Amino acid sequence: MVTHSDLAKYIYGGENARMERDIRRLKQASIITDKTIEVSRKKTLRVVTLTERGHALLRKTGRLSEEQASYHGLVKPKEAQHDAALYRLYQKEAGRIESAGGRPVRVVLDYELKRYINSELARVPKNEGAEEERQGIAERHGLHVIDGKIPLPDLRIEYQNADLEPRHIDLDLVTRDYRPREVSEKARAGFGLYSSTEDAPRLRRILNDFDLTATILSL
């Protein structure tokens, strides 16, 4: 899922007319949907998503690796604003990786990480060794146990650095809806934190209250 403004900026280089022509053509072919969603009483969001047919065609092109998961449709409209912003977050961080000579290889969303980790946690016996088992699961997935839980990032980018070494970075889009303890957990987990410009001051105050030095980047 991507907003029209991000699609125009990152894919079409600001050529809105060309983008709109392509959107009409792809809608007529039932490859994408083009919807306007109400995200508040005063704000709407126009987003483009793949249809089931469009998703199948994308997989057939071979442009995505076997390991790269892909999705279609609008599953949770209430989370559309947050989820659509992850595309912008990816573009910003991918730009940072590429400017340092690296190359993004794969994107992993929290849905995937949650599925893997919950599957392993379900097999952990409730005994004295449970905490050690949980720690091992977190480490295998490049994560940390914070206050007995394994916080998950919104987005993980796996990439090669300039020396072709495999690396990954975990990113989270924090918003004003996050409780202070949630912001603290994400920072202590070592995630790269992004937020909207208007939310950033409050979130930085939260970090200061917890004596955390994490940086919050503007989206």
Protein backbone atom coordinates (compact mmCIF):
# COMPACT_ATOMS: atom_id res chain seq x y z
CA MET A 1 0.00 0.00 0.00
CA VAL A 2 1.25 3.45 -0.92
CA THR A 3 -0.22 6.95 -0.83
CA HIS A 4 -0.65 8.92 -4.04
CA SER A 5 1.77 11.59 -2.84
CA ASP A 6 4.51 9.05 -2.11
CA LEU A 7 3.88 7.24 -5.39
CA ALA A 8 4.21 10.53 -7.27
CA LYS A 9 7.38 11.49 -5.41
CA TYR A 10 9.36 8.25 -5.36
CA ILE A 11 8.19 6.47 -8.51
CA TYR A 12 7.05 9.19 -10.91
CA GLY A 13 9.42 11.99 -9.96
CA GLY A 14 6.53 14.41 -9.47
CA GLU A 15 4.88 13.68 -12.84
CA ASN A 16 1.35 13.51 -11.48
CA ALA A 17 -0.39 13.46 -14.86
CA ARG A 18 1.56 10.40 -15.99
CA MET A 19 0.87 8.71 -12.66
CA GLU A 20 -2.88 9.34 -12.92
CA ARG A 21 -2.95 7.89 -16.46
CA ASP A 22 -1.21 4.75 -15.24
CA ILE A 23 -3.53 4.44 -12.25
CA ARG A 24 -6.61 4.60 -14.49
CA ARG A 25 -5.16 2.00 -16.84
CA LEU A 26 -4.20 -0.38 -14.00
CA LYS A 27 -7.59 0.04 -12.32
CA GLN A 28 -9.37 -0.84 -15.55
CA ALA A 29 -7.23 -3.98 -15.75
CA SER A 30 -8.15 -4.86 -12.13
CA ILE A 31 -4.50 -4.80 -11.12
CA ILE A 32 -4.77 -2.11 -8.45
CA THR A 33 -7.39 -0.44 -6.29
CA ASP A 34 -7.50 3.32 -5.74
CA LYS A 35 -9.34 4.32 -2.56
CA THR A 36 -9.83 7.41 -0.43
CA ILE A 37 -10.03 6.57 3.27
CA GLU A 38 -11.25 8.80 6.08
CA VAL A 39 -8.55 8.82 8.75
CA SER A 40 -10.13 11.52 10.92
CA ARG A 41 -13.06 13.92 10.82
CA LYS A 42 -10.98 16.43 8.90
CA LYS A 43 -8.54 14.26 6.98
CA THR A 44 -8.71 11.68 4.21
CA LEU A 45 -5.97 9.57 2.66
CA ARG A 46 -5.83 8.34 -0.92
CA VAL A 47 -4.02 5.03 -1.24
CA VAL A 48 -3.19 2.52 -3.96
CA THR A 49 -3.03 -1.21 -3.28
CA LEU A 50 -2.58 -4.32 -5.39
CA THR A 51 -5.60 -6.49 -6.08
CA GLU A 52 -5.39 -10.26 -5.78
CA ARG A 53 -4.91 -10.38 -9.57
CA GLY A 54 -2.24 -7.69 -9.47
CA HIS A 55 -0.43 -9.51 -6.69
CA ALA A 56 -0.42 -12.76 -8.67
CA LEU A 57 0.93 -10.96 -11.75
CA LEU A 58 3.69 -9.34 -9.70
CA ARG A 59 4.83 -12.71 -8.36
CA LYS A 60 4.87 -14.13 -11.89
CA THR A 61 7.21 -11.40 -13.16
CA GLY A 62 10.06 -12.78 -11.05
CA ARG A 63 11.01 -9.24 -10.00
CA LEU A 64 10.71 -10.26 -6.34
CA SER A 65 12.98 -12.85 -4.76
CA GLU A 66 11.48 -16.05 -3.37
CA GLU A 67 12.25 -14.80 0.15
CA GLN A 68 10.49 -11.44 -0.30
CA ALA A 69 6.92 -11.55 1.00
CA SER A 70 4.30 -9.39 -0.73
CA TYR A 71 0.75 -8.43 0.09
CA HIS A 72 -2.44 -7.18 -1.53
CA GLY A 73 -5.66 -5.48 -0.52
CA LEU A 74 -6.55 -3.21 2.36
CA VAL A 75 -6.85 -5.42 5.42
CA LYS A 76 -7.11 -2.87 8.25
CA PRO A 77 -8.45 0.51 7.05
CA LYS A 78 -8.01 2.02 10.54
CA GLU A 79 -4.26 1.38 10.27
CA ALA A 80 -3.95 2.57 6.68
CA GLN A 81 -2.27 5.88 7.51
CA HIS A 82 0.39 4.17 9.62
CA ASP A 83 0.94 1.29 7.20
CA ALA A 84 1.13 3.52 4.12
CA ALA A 85 3.75 5.67 5.87
CA LEU A 86 6.03 2.63 6.13
CA TYR A 87 6.70 2.92 2.40
CA ARG A 88 8.02 6.44 2.96
CA LEU A 89 10.06 5.22 5.93
CA TYR A 90 11.60 2.51 3.73
CA GLN A 91 12.48 5.00 1.02
CA LYS A 92 14.22 7.31 3.50
CA GLU A 93 16.24 4.54 5.12
CA ALA A 94 17.04 2.87 1.78
CA GLY A 95 18.43 6.21 0.63
CA ARG A 96 20.70 6.31 3.69
CA ILE A 97 21.88 2.75 3.02
CA GLU A 98 22.60 3.45 -0.65
CA SER A 99 24.40 6.72 0.07
CA ALA A 100 26.79 4.69 2.26
CA GLY A 101 27.45 2.27 -0.63
CA GLY A 102 25.04 -0.43 0.47
CA ARG A 103 22.14 -2.15 -1.26
CA PRO A 104 18.74 -3.14 0.22
CA VAL A 105 18.01 -6.83 -0.36
CA ARG A 106 14.79 -7.67 1.47
CA VAL A 107 12.05 -6.07 3.54
CA VAL A 108 10.46 -7.91 6.46
CA LEU A 109 7.29 -6.53 8.07
CA ASP A 110 6.24 -7.07 11.67
CA TYR A 111 3.61 -9.60 10.54
CA GLU A 112 6.33 -11.98 9.39
CA LEU A 113 8.54 -11.54 12.44
CA LYS A 114 5.54 -12.01 14.73
CA ARG A 115 4.59 -15.25 12.97
CA TYR A 116 8.08 -16.71 13.28
CA ILE A 117 8.58 -15.67 16.89
CA ASN A 118 5.11 -16.63 18.15
CA SER A 119 5.54 -20.06 16.58
CA GLU A 120 8.74 -20.59 18.57
CA LEU A 121 7.38 -19.03 21.78
CA ALA A 122 4.41 -21.40 21.68
CA ARG A 123 6.84 -24.30 22.12
CA VAL A 124 8.58 -22.81 25.17
CA PRO A 125 7.66 -24.76 28.34
CA LYS A 126 6.50 -22.73 31.32
CA ASN A 127 9.31 -23.61 33.67
CA GLU A 128 12.42 -22.06 35.16
CA GLY A 129 14.20 -22.13 31.80
CA ALA A 130 11.51 -20.14 29.97
CA GLU A 131 13.36 -16.82 30.25
CA GLU A 132 16.54 -18.31 28.82
CA GLU A 133 14.56 -19.90 25.98
CA ARG A 134 12.88 -16.55 25.22
CA GLN A 135 16.28 -14.85 25.17
CA GLY A 136 17.58 -17.45 22.71
CA ILE A 137 14.60 -16.96 20.40
CA ALA A 138 15.13 -13.20 20.40
CA GLU A 139 18.83 -13.55 19.63
CA ARG A 140 18.19 -15.95 16.74
CA HIS A 141 16.00 -13.28 15.14
CA GLY A 142 18.36 -10.40 15.88
CA LEU A 143 16.08 -8.97 18.57
CA HIS A 144 16.17 -8.29 22.33
CA VAL A 145 14.09 -9.18 25.36
CA ILE A 146 12.89 -6.01 27.10
CA ASP A 147 11.03 -6.36 30.42
CA GLY A 148 10.20 -9.98 29.63
CA LYS A 149 8.86 -9.25 26.14
CA ILE A 150 10.34 -9.26 22.63
CA PRO A 151 9.46 -5.89 21.00
CA LEU A 152 9.02 -6.09 17.24
CA PRO A 153 9.86 -3.36 14.73
CA ASP A 154 7.39 -2.18 12.12
CA LEU A 155 9.93 -2.84 9.43
CA ARG A 156 13.25 -4.64 8.99
CA ILE A 157 15.50 -3.90 6.03
CA GLU A 158 18.05 -6.58 5.20
CA TYR A 159 20.89 -5.18 3.11
CA GLN A 160 24.48 -5.55 1.97
CA ASN A 161 26.89 -2.90 3.12
CA ALA A 162 29.62 -1.40 0.94
CA ASP A 163 31.82 -4.46 1.65
CA LEU A 164 29.00 -6.82 0.54
CA GLU A 165 28.51 -8.01 4.12
CA PRO A 166 24.93 -8.90 5.18
CA ARG A 167 23.38 -6.49 7.65
CA HIS A 168 19.92 -5.49 8.82
CA ILE A 169 18.31 -2.51 10.48
CA ASP A 170 15.07 -2.53 12.47
CA LEU A 171 12.82 0.53 12.17
CA ASP A 172 9.69 1.71 13.93
CA LEU A 173 7.26 4.49 13.15
CA VAL A 174 6.29 5.90 16.55
CA THR A 175 3.21 8.11 16.83
CA ARG A 176 1.37 10.17 19.43
CA ASP A 177 -0.80 7.11 20.09
CA TYR A 178 2.17 5.25 21.60
CA ARG A 179 2.18 5.08 25.38
CA PRO A 180 5.41 6.31 27.03
CA ARG A 181 6.43 2.79 28.02
CA GLU A 182 5.98 1.59 24.42
CA VAL A 183 8.27 4.36 23.15
CA SER A 184 10.81 3.40 25.82
CA GLU A 185 10.66 -0.29 24.84
CA LYS A 186 11.22 0.49 21.16
CA ALA A 187 14.21 2.71 21.95
CA ARG A 188 15.75 0.21 24.38
CA ALA A 189 15.32 -2.52 21.77
CA GLY A 190 17.70 -0.55 19.55
CA PHE A 191 15.24 0.24 16.78
CA GLY A 192 15.73 3.21 14.48
CA LEU A 193 12.85 5.52 15.35
CA TYR A 194 10.93 7.71 12.92
CA SER A 195 7.95 9.97 13.54
CA SER A 196 5.96 12.69 11.86
CA THR A 197 7.26 16.22 12.39
CA GLU A 198 4.29 17.17 14.58
CA ASP A 199 4.68 14.13 16.86
CA ALA A 200 8.44 14.38 17.31
CA PRO A 201 8.59 16.96 20.17
CA ARG A 202 6.31 14.89 22.46
CA LEU A 203 8.17 11.68 21.69
CA ARG A 204 11.54 13.30 22.40
CA ARG A 205 10.23 14.48 25.78
CA ILE A 206 9.24 10.89 26.55
CA LEU A 207 12.75 9.69 25.76
CA ASN A 208 14.21 12.41 27.97
CA ASP A 209 11.91 11.35 30.82
CA PHE A 210 13.28 7.82 30.54
CA ASP A 211 16.89 9.11 30.24
CA LEU A 212 17.19 7.53 26.79
CA THR A 213 19.45 9.02 24.11
CA ALA A 214 17.80 7.48 21.04
CA THR A 215 17.35 9.75 18.03
CA ILE A 216 13.93 10.24 16.46
CA LEU A 217 14.16 10.97 12.74
CA SER A 218 11.47 12.99 10.97
CA LEU A 219 9.48 11.16 8.35
